[in-house]
Protein backbone atom coordinates (compact mmCIF):
# COMPACT_ATOMS: atom_id res chain seq x y z
CA MET A 1 -42.59 25.52 39.73
CA SER A 2 -41.52 27.81 36.95
CA SER A 3 -40.75 26.67 33.43
CA SER A 4 -37.01 27.30 33.82
CA GLN A 5 -36.88 25.05 36.88
CA ARG A 6 -38.69 22.35 34.91
CA HIS A 7 -36.13 22.54 32.13
CA VAL A 8 -33.28 22.30 34.63
CA ASN A 9 -35.03 19.38 36.34
CA GLN A 10 -35.58 17.60 33.00
CA PHE A 11 -31.94 18.17 32.04
CA LYS A 12 -30.80 16.69 35.36
CA GLN A 13 -32.91 13.61 34.65
CA LEU A 14 -31.42 13.27 31.15
CA ARG A 15 -27.81 13.78 32.27
CA PRO A 16 -27.08 10.06 33.04
CA PHE A 17 -28.67 9.01 29.74
CA LEU A 18 -26.65 11.59 27.80
CA SER A 19 -23.45 10.52 29.57
CA LEU A 20 -24.13 6.89 28.72
CA LEU A 21 -24.94 7.83 25.13
CA PHE A 22 -21.66 9.77 24.89
CA VAL A 23 -19.67 6.79 26.22
CA ILE A 24 -21.37 4.38 23.81
CA ILE A 25 -20.78 6.64 20.81
CA THR A 26 -17.13 7.07 21.83
CA LEU A 27 -16.63 3.31 22.15
CA LEU A 28 -18.31 2.68 18.79
CA GLY A 29 -16.02 5.30 17.27
CA LEU A 30 -12.98 3.54 18.73
CA VAL A 31 -14.16 0.19 17.36
CA PHE A 32 -14.64 1.75 13.92
CA VAL A 33 -11.17 3.32 14.01
CA LYS A 34 -9.59 -0.02 14.98
CA MET A 35 -11.43 -1.81 12.16
CA GLU A 36 -10.23 0.77 9.65
CA GLU A 37 -6.70 0.48 10.98
CA ARG A 38 -6.77 -3.29 10.51
CA ARG A 39 -8.30 -2.99 7.02
CA ILE A 40 -5.67 -0.48 5.94
CA SER A 41 -2.88 -2.64 7.34
CA TYR A 42 -4.14 -5.57 5.22
CA VAL A 43 -4.17 -3.33 2.15
CA VAL A 44 -0.61 -2.20 2.90
CA LEU A 45 0.49 -5.81 3.39
CA LYS A 46 -1.06 -6.83 0.06
CA LEU A 47 0.56 -3.91 -1.77
CA THR A 48 3.92 -4.69 -0.17
CA LYS A 49 3.71 -8.28 -1.41
CA GLU A 50 2.77 -7.08 -4.90
CA HIS A 51 5.70 -4.67 -4.90
CA LYS A 52 8.12 -7.41 -3.86
CA ARG A 53 6.74 -9.70 -6.56
CA ALA A 54 7.06 -6.97 -9.22
CA THR A 55 10.61 -6.20 -8.08
CA GLU A 56 11.53 -9.88 -8.30
CA ILE A 57 10.03 -10.18 -11.81
CA LYS A 58 11.94 -7.09 -12.90
CA ARG A 59 15.17 -8.51 -11.51
CA GLN A 60 14.60 -11.84 -13.30
CA LYS A 61 13.93 -10.03 -16.59
CA GLU A 62 17.10 -7.98 -16.19
CA ILE A 63 19.08 -11.18 -15.59
CA SER A 64 17.60 -12.90 -18.63
CA LEU A 65 18.28 -9.81 -20.77
CA ALA A 66 21.88 -9.77 -19.59
CA LYS A 67 22.20 -13.47 -20.45
CA MET A 68 20.66 -13.02 -23.90
CA THR A 69 22.83 -10.05 -24.83
CA ARG A 70 26.18 -11.24 -23.55
CA PRO A 71 28.87 -10.99 -26.23
CA GLN A 72 29.69 -14.72 -26.39
CA LEU A 73 26.09 -15.63 -27.09
CA LEU A 74 25.73 -12.96 -29.74
CA GLU A 75 28.97 -14.03 -31.39
CA ASN A 76 27.86 -17.68 -31.47
CA LEU A 77 24.48 -16.65 -32.86
CA ALA A 78 26.11 -14.56 -35.58
CA THR A 79 28.51 -17.31 -36.66
CA GLN A 80 26.05 -20.21 -36.49
CA LYS A 81 22.65 -18.80 -37.44
CA LEU A 82 23.62 -15.86 -39.64
CA THR A 83 26.68 -17.56 -41.18
CA LEU A 84 28.94 -14.65 -40.41
CA LYS A 85 32.68 -15.18 -39.92
CA ARG A 86 34.69 -14.35 -36.85
CA ILE A 87 36.27 -10.93 -36.92
CA THR A 88 39.98 -10.69 -37.61
CA PRO A 89 42.24 -7.95 -36.27
CA SER A 90 42.81 -6.60 -39.78
CA GLN A 91 39.10 -5.81 -40.11
CA ILE A 92 39.09 -3.45 -37.12
CA ILE A 93 39.37 0.21 -38.10
CA HIS A 94 40.63 2.55 -35.42
CA LEU A 95 39.37 6.09 -35.83
CA THR A 96 40.74 9.15 -34.10
CA PRO A 97 38.28 11.91 -33.23
CA THR A 98 39.37 14.05 -36.21
CA GLN A 99 38.96 11.14 -38.65
CA SER A 100 35.47 10.35 -37.38
CA LEU A 101 34.45 14.01 -37.78
CA ALA A 102 35.88 14.10 -41.31
CA ARG A 103 33.93 10.96 -42.27
CA THR A 104 30.63 12.36 -41.02
CA GLY A 105 31.17 15.64 -42.84
CA LEU A 106 31.07 17.91 -39.78
């Protein structure tokens, strides 16, 4: 038997083992990919919940800011805490665009 026939014969004997090794490696790769997919989906779920929570906090802060800065509240605060008087129509000065420019010196 020549050396080339021995190599071919040895390869034929290893062929089932190599096929089985290929199948096992492929299956392990699939398991790894599925595990990564599940891990990433949990990360996405967690980040989605955090985003919803942050959006809700932002919305609540916007609502509280709107409540704190509404004109009636500011007017009550000015009259009660700062002892300012309510505005009368005679105190309002209406400026036309030319008057406002003349006052600023432009």
